[in-house]
Protein backbone atom coordinates (compact mmCIF):
# COMPACT_ATOMS: atom_id res chain seq x y z
CA MET A 1 -2.42 -43.18 -0.73
CA ALA A 2 -0.19 -41.39 -3.19
CA THR A 3 1.51 -38.25 -1.94
CA SER A 4 0.15 -35.07 -3.59
CA VAL A 5 2.54 -33.49 -6.05
CA ASN A 6 0.66 -30.19 -6.21
CA PRO A 7 2.07 -27.03 -4.60
CA PRO A 8 0.51 -25.92 -1.30
CA ARG A 9 -2.95 -24.39 -1.65
CA GLY A 10 -2.79 -20.75 -2.63
CA MET A 11 0.68 -21.05 -4.15
CA ARG A 12 1.81 -21.65 -7.72
CA ASP A 13 4.48 -23.18 -9.88
CA PHE A 14 5.61 -21.30 -13.00
CA LEU A 15 6.59 -23.15 -16.15
CA PRO A 16 9.56 -21.80 -18.16
CA ALA A 17 7.44 -19.75 -20.60
CA GLU A 18 5.40 -18.20 -17.77
CA LYS A 19 8.56 -17.47 -15.79
CA ALA A 20 10.15 -15.80 -18.82
CA ARG A 21 7.11 -13.55 -19.35
CA ARG A 22 7.07 -12.54 -15.68
CA GLU A 23 10.77 -11.73 -15.73
CA ARG A 24 10.35 -9.54 -18.84
CA VAL A 25 7.58 -7.59 -17.11
CA LEU A 26 9.63 -7.21 -13.94
CA ALA A 27 12.63 -6.08 -15.99
CA VAL A 28 10.56 -3.27 -17.55
CA ILE A 29 9.29 -2.22 -14.13
CA ARG A 30 12.79 -2.13 -12.65
CA ASP A 31 14.19 -0.29 -15.66
CA ARG A 32 11.59 2.48 -15.65
CA TYR A 33 11.78 3.12 -11.92
CA ALA A 34 15.59 3.15 -12.11
CA ALA A 35 15.31 5.75 -14.87
CA HIS A 36 13.39 7.94 -12.41
CA GLY A 37 16.12 7.59 -9.79
CA PHE A 38 14.65 4.84 -7.62
CA ASP A 39 17.22 2.48 -6.13
CA GLU A 40 16.31 -1.13 -5.52
CA ILE A 41 16.68 -2.58 -2.04
CA GLU A 42 16.26 -6.09 -0.69
CA THR A 43 15.05 -7.09 2.77
CA PRO A 44 14.74 -10.48 4.49
CA VAL A 45 11.59 -12.50 3.92
CA MET A 46 11.16 -12.68 7.71
CA GLU A 47 10.91 -9.94 10.32
CA ASP A 48 10.54 -10.00 14.09
CA SER A 49 7.02 -11.09 15.00
CA SER A 50 6.58 -8.11 17.32
CA ARG A 51 7.37 -5.75 14.44
CA LEU A 52 4.91 -7.45 12.09
CA HIS A 53 2.18 -7.06 14.73
CA ALA A 54 2.96 -3.49 15.78
CA GLY A 55 -0.18 -2.01 14.26
CA LEU A 56 1.29 -0.75 10.98
CA GLY A 57 -0.35 -3.41 8.81
CA GLY A 58 -4.00 -3.17 9.87
CA ASP A 59 -6.00 -6.32 9.21
CA ASN A 60 -3.12 -7.77 7.19
CA GLU A 61 -1.34 -8.49 10.47
CA LYS A 62 -3.94 -11.17 11.17
CA LEU A 63 -2.80 -12.95 7.99
CA ALA A 64 0.90 -13.14 8.85
CA PHE A 65 2.51 -16.57 8.82
CA GLY A 66 4.32 -17.06 12.13
CA VAL A 67 7.57 -18.97 12.62
CA LEU A 68 7.72 -20.97 15.85
CA LYS A 69 10.53 -20.30 18.30
CA ARG A 70 13.22 -22.95 18.39
CA GLY A 71 13.38 -25.32 21.34
CA LEU A 72 9.79 -24.96 22.51
CA THR A 73 8.86 -27.30 25.35
CA THR A 74 5.54 -28.85 26.32
CA GLU A 75 5.32 -26.32 29.14
CA ASP A 76 5.79 -23.48 26.63
CA LEU A 77 2.96 -24.82 24.47
CA GLN A 78 0.63 -25.27 27.42
CA GLY A 79 1.44 -21.89 28.95
CA ALA A 80 1.02 -19.80 25.79
CA GLU A 81 -1.95 -17.43 25.92
CA SER A 82 -2.01 -17.08 22.13
CA ALA A 83 -0.22 -18.37 19.05
CA LEU A 84 1.83 -15.16 18.93
CA ASP A 85 3.50 -16.17 22.20
CA LEU A 86 5.02 -19.15 20.38
CA ALA A 87 6.47 -17.20 17.43
CA ASP A 88 9.47 -14.91 17.37
CA LEU A 89 9.61 -14.40 13.59
CA GLY A 90 7.08 -14.13 10.77
CA LEU A 91 6.95 -14.00 6.98
CA ARG A 92 6.41 -10.46 5.69
CA PHE A 93 2.82 -9.78 4.56
CA ASP A 94 3.76 -6.62 2.65
CA LEU A 95 6.86 -4.56 1.90
CA THR A 96 6.02 -1.48 3.99
CA VAL A 97 6.92 -2.87 7.40
CA PRO A 98 10.29 -4.18 6.14
CA LEU A 99 10.99 -0.78 4.53
CA ALA A 100 10.35 1.04 7.81
CA ARG A 101 12.78 -1.29 9.60
CA PHE A 102 15.32 -1.00 6.74
CA TYR A 103 15.25 2.80 6.86
CA ALA A 104 15.63 2.86 10.64
CA SER A 105 18.63 0.52 10.34
CA HIS A 106 20.44 2.30 7.48
CA ARG A 107 19.30 5.93 7.61
CA ALA A 108 22.81 7.20 8.31
CA GLU A 109 24.08 5.45 5.16
CA LEU A 110 21.38 6.83 2.86
CA PRO A 111 20.92 10.28 1.28
CA GLY A 112 18.60 12.82 2.89
CA VAL A 113 15.98 12.12 0.23
CA PHE A 114 15.97 8.46 -0.70
CA ARG A 115 13.97 6.82 -3.47
CA SER A 116 13.33 3.17 -2.76
CA VAL A 117 11.91 0.40 -4.95
CA GLN A 118 11.47 -3.18 -3.81
CA VAL A 119 10.03 -5.99 -5.94
CA ALA A 120 9.66 -9.17 -3.94
CA PRO A 121 7.29 -11.93 -2.82
CA VAL A 122 5.07 -11.58 0.25
CA TRP A 123 2.95 -14.14 2.09
CA ARG A 124 -0.52 -13.96 3.62
CA ALA A 125 -2.44 -16.75 5.34
CA GLU A 126 -5.61 -16.07 3.37
CA ARG A 127 -8.27 -18.56 2.43
CA PRO A 128 -7.31 -19.60 -1.11
CA GLN A 129 -9.86 -18.58 -3.73
CA LYS A 130 -9.92 -17.40 -7.30
CA GLY A 131 -7.63 -14.42 -7.81
CA ARG A 132 -6.23 -14.50 -4.24
CA TYR A 133 -2.98 -16.29 -3.46
CA ARG A 134 -1.04 -16.92 -0.30
CA GLN A 135 2.20 -15.98 -2.04
CA PHE A 136 2.42 -13.17 -4.57
CA VAL A 137 4.80 -10.43 -5.75
CA GLN A 138 4.48 -6.82 -4.70
CA CYS A 139 6.20 -3.77 -6.18
CA ASP A 140 6.63 -1.00 -3.62
CA ILE A 141 8.06 2.47 -4.33
CA ASP A 142 8.59 5.17 -1.73
CA ILE A 143 10.35 8.50 -1.31
CA LEU A 144 11.71 8.97 2.20
CA GLY A 145 12.91 12.26 3.62
CA GLU A 146 10.63 14.55 1.58
CA ALA A 147 7.23 15.38 3.05
CA SER A 148 5.96 17.78 0.38
CA ALA A 149 3.50 17.02 -2.40
CA LEU A 150 6.44 17.01 -4.84
CA ALA A 151 7.25 13.49 -3.65
CA GLU A 152 3.71 12.35 -4.47
CA VAL A 153 3.98 13.90 -7.93
CA GLU A 154 7.23 12.06 -8.55
CA LEU A 155 5.72 8.73 -7.47
CA ILE A 156 2.76 9.20 -9.78
CA ALA A 157 4.88 10.36 -12.72
CA ALA A 158 7.22 7.37 -12.39
CA THR A 159 4.29 4.97 -12.16
CA LEU A 160 2.54 6.46 -15.19
CA ASP A 161 5.74 6.07 -17.20
CA THR A 162 6.10 2.45 -16.04
CA LEU A 163 2.51 1.57 -16.94
CA ALA A 164 2.99 3.14 -20.37
CA ALA A 165 6.21 1.16 -20.91
CA LEU A 166 4.29 -2.03 -20.08
CA GLY A 167 1.72 -1.14 -22.74
CA LEU A 168 -1.18 -0.96 -20.28
CA GLU A 169 -4.00 1.38 -21.28
CA GLY A 170 -6.97 2.78 -19.40
CA CYS A 171 -5.19 2.67 -16.03
CA THR A 172 -6.45 4.69 -13.07
CA ILE A 173 -4.27 5.96 -10.23
CA ARG A 174 -6.06 6.50 -6.93
CA ILE A 175 -4.67 9.06 -4.50
CA ASN A 176 -5.22 8.53 -0.78
CA ASP A 177 -4.73 11.55 1.50
CA ARG A 178 -5.35 10.74 5.16
CA ARG A 179 -5.94 14.41 5.91
CA LEU A 180 -8.99 14.30 3.65
CA LEU A 181 -10.12 10.98 5.12
CA PHE A 182 -9.77 12.18 8.70
CA GLY A 183 -11.55 15.42 7.78
CA MET A 184 -14.41 13.47 6.23
CA LEU A 185 -14.71 11.20 9.28
CA GLU A 186 -14.84 14.26 11.52
CA VAL A 187 -17.60 15.75 9.37
CA PHE A 188 -19.54 12.46 9.56
CA GLY A 189 -19.33 12.54 13.36
CA PHE A 190 -16.76 9.88 14.22
CA ALA A 191 -14.63 10.63 17.29
CA ALA A 192 -10.96 11.36 16.66
CA THR A 193 -9.99 8.28 18.68
CA GLU A 194 -12.02 6.13 16.26
CA HIS A 195 -10.55 7.39 13.00
CA ASP A 196 -7.79 4.79 12.57
CA SER A 197 -10.18 1.96 13.40
CA VAL A 198 -12.86 3.25 11.01
CA LEU A 199 -10.34 3.53 8.17
CA ILE A 200 -9.41 -0.14 8.58
CA THR A 201 -13.02 -0.98 7.72
CA LEU A 202 -13.30 1.60 4.92
CA ASP A 203 -10.19 0.07 3.32
CA LYS A 204 -12.34 -3.00 2.64
CA LEU A 205 -14.65 -1.19 0.18
CA ASP A 206 -13.23 -3.06 -2.82
CA LYS A 207 -13.60 -6.39 -1.02
CA LEU A 208 -16.90 -5.99 0.86
CA GLY A 209 -18.70 -3.28 -1.13
CA ILE A 210 -20.62 -0.40 0.44
CA GLU A 211 -23.23 -2.61 2.10
CA GLY A 212 -20.58 -4.84 3.66
CA VAL A 213 -18.54 -1.90 4.95
CA VAL A 214 -21.58 -0.17 6.46
CA ALA A 215 -22.68 -3.44 8.07
CA GLU A 216 -19.24 -3.91 9.64
CA LEU A 217 -19.20 -0.33 10.95
CA ARG A 218 -22.55 -0.97 12.64
CA GLU A 219 -21.40 -4.33 14.03
CA ARG A 220 -18.35 -2.69 15.55
CA GLY A 221 -20.56 -0.31 17.51
CA PHE A 222 -19.66 3.07 16.04
CA THR A 223 -22.07 5.97 16.56
CA THR A 224 -25.24 5.37 14.54
CA GLY A 225 -25.43 8.94 13.24
CA ALA A 226 -21.83 8.86 12.04
CA VAL A 227 -22.35 5.55 10.23
CA ASP A 228 -25.57 6.89 8.67
CA ALA A 229 -23.69 9.96 7.40
CA ALA A 230 -20.92 7.80 5.95
CA GLU A 231 -23.47 5.55 4.24
CA ALA A 232 -25.29 8.55 2.76
CA PHE A 233 -22.03 9.87 1.33
CA LEU A 234 -20.94 6.51 -0.11
CA THR A 235 -24.32 5.88 -1.75
CA ARG A 236 -24.88 9.40 -3.07
CA PRO A 237 -25.79 9.65 -6.78
CA ARG A 238 -22.73 10.40 -8.85
CA THR A 239 -21.13 9.69 -12.20
CA LEU A 240 -17.86 7.78 -12.02
CA GLN A 241 -15.12 9.79 -13.68
CA ALA A 242 -11.52 10.76 -13.20
CA MET A 243 -11.04 13.25 -10.40
CA PRO A 244 -10.94 16.82 -11.81
CA PHE A 245 -7.90 18.92 -10.94
CA GLY A 246 -9.42 22.28 -9.94
CA GLU A 247 -10.22 22.95 -6.28
CA PRO A 248 -13.90 23.82 -6.92
CA ALA A 249 -14.48 20.58 -8.79
CA ILE A 250 -12.70 18.54 -6.10
CA ARG A 251 -14.79 20.16 -3.36
CA ARG A 252 -17.97 19.10 -5.15
CA GLU A 253 -16.85 15.49 -4.72
CA LEU A 254 -16.27 15.87 -0.96
CA PRO A 255 -18.49 16.70 2.02
CA GLU A 256 -18.35 20.25 3.33
CA GLY A 257 -15.82 20.92 6.05
CA VAL A 258 -12.80 18.95 4.81
CA PRO A 259 -9.41 20.67 5.33
CA ASP A 260 -8.62 23.42 2.81
CA GLU A 261 -4.91 22.55 2.86
CA ALA A 262 -5.56 18.94 1.83
CA VAL A 263 -7.87 19.98 -1.02
CA ALA A 264 -5.32 22.50 -2.32
CA SER A 265 -2.58 19.87 -2.15
CA LEU A 266 -4.66 17.35 -4.09
CA ALA A 267 -5.45 19.96 -6.76
CA ALA A 268 -1.76 20.85 -7.08
CA ILE A 269 -0.76 17.21 -7.47
CA GLY A 270 -3.34 16.63 -10.18
CA ALA A 271 -2.37 19.77 -12.07
CA ALA A 272 1.35 18.96 -11.90
CA VAL A 273 0.89 15.42 -13.18
CA ALA A 274 -1.48 16.54 -15.93
CA ALA A 275 0.95 19.23 -17.11
CA GLY A 276 3.98 16.94 -17.11
CA VAL A 277 6.48 17.23 -14.34
CA ARG A 278 10.12 18.23 -14.08
CA ARG A 279 12.23 16.76 -11.34
CA PRO A 280 12.24 19.02 -8.26
CA SER A 281 15.35 20.83 -7.08
CA TRP A 282 16.09 18.25 -4.37
CA TRP A 283 16.30 15.38 -6.90
CA THR A 284 19.71 13.74 -7.06
CA PRO A 285 20.52 10.16 -8.06
CA TRP A 286 21.90 8.14 -5.16
CA THR A 287 24.11 5.77 -7.12
CA ARG A 288 26.89 6.82 -9.47
CA ARG A 289 25.00 5.68 -12.51
CA SER A 290 23.45 8.35 -14.74
CA PRO A 291 19.82 7.37 -15.41
CA PRO A 292 18.44 8.39 -18.81
CA SER A 293 16.32 11.50 -18.92
CA THR A 294 12.64 10.67 -18.51
CA ARG A 295 9.52 12.79 -18.84
CA CYS A 296 6.07 11.95 -17.59
CA ARG A 297 3.76 10.74 -20.36
């Protein structure tokens, strides 16, 4: 039988023309984020297995490719309670876990407020299907050392500028505030100890749809009344539209009882982005280069 010459399932080759187009797109992305003061970092494709399975990646941790320890014996294989016992390294499944490790390793060498951008491949042991690959490129931007909403505004402004430079129209940016999510779960009746677990299922809305998410919540044994309340909220009649910026309009989209502080913060972010944003007082470029002046479009 002839040996297959195709790449492994879920992975792709790129011909010269395709590679050139991808590199042009990536060049625009890097250029625009650099103009906003983001500095590119690079991290290893592998991290310690224990770090990849420390709970930061949710369900994605289950999709991590493990790398077997060197020198395993038959006794090691027979005595392992799980596959994780046989692996000491793993391929990164996203760029967030490597960033956390990078920042912990180099914090003393970085400025107090550090803008990071990383564009690199990641790997997930998913079942190959249309539109889902085992190897793909992620672009991850973060601002570390600044906890205020100004950091969120900067991230959104830089991304809007990048999307515009790529010529993409009709894009939607979704803002996720865990304070609002936790407040909503509390209103629905989920116990505080269940919040993180419930959010892992809610994160699957795009993949499973409302019916699938509700079914999984019931299968996992959460309180029936809380799941019913969540289902009622998710299936409520509404017209899909961009989130309005005023606090009253935002509150109409949320159940009663969510934190006032989180609602006010979301309204402020929306208003700042809509009005066009100036760099905050703490903004300073880390490298010696002088990035061109950029305004949010």
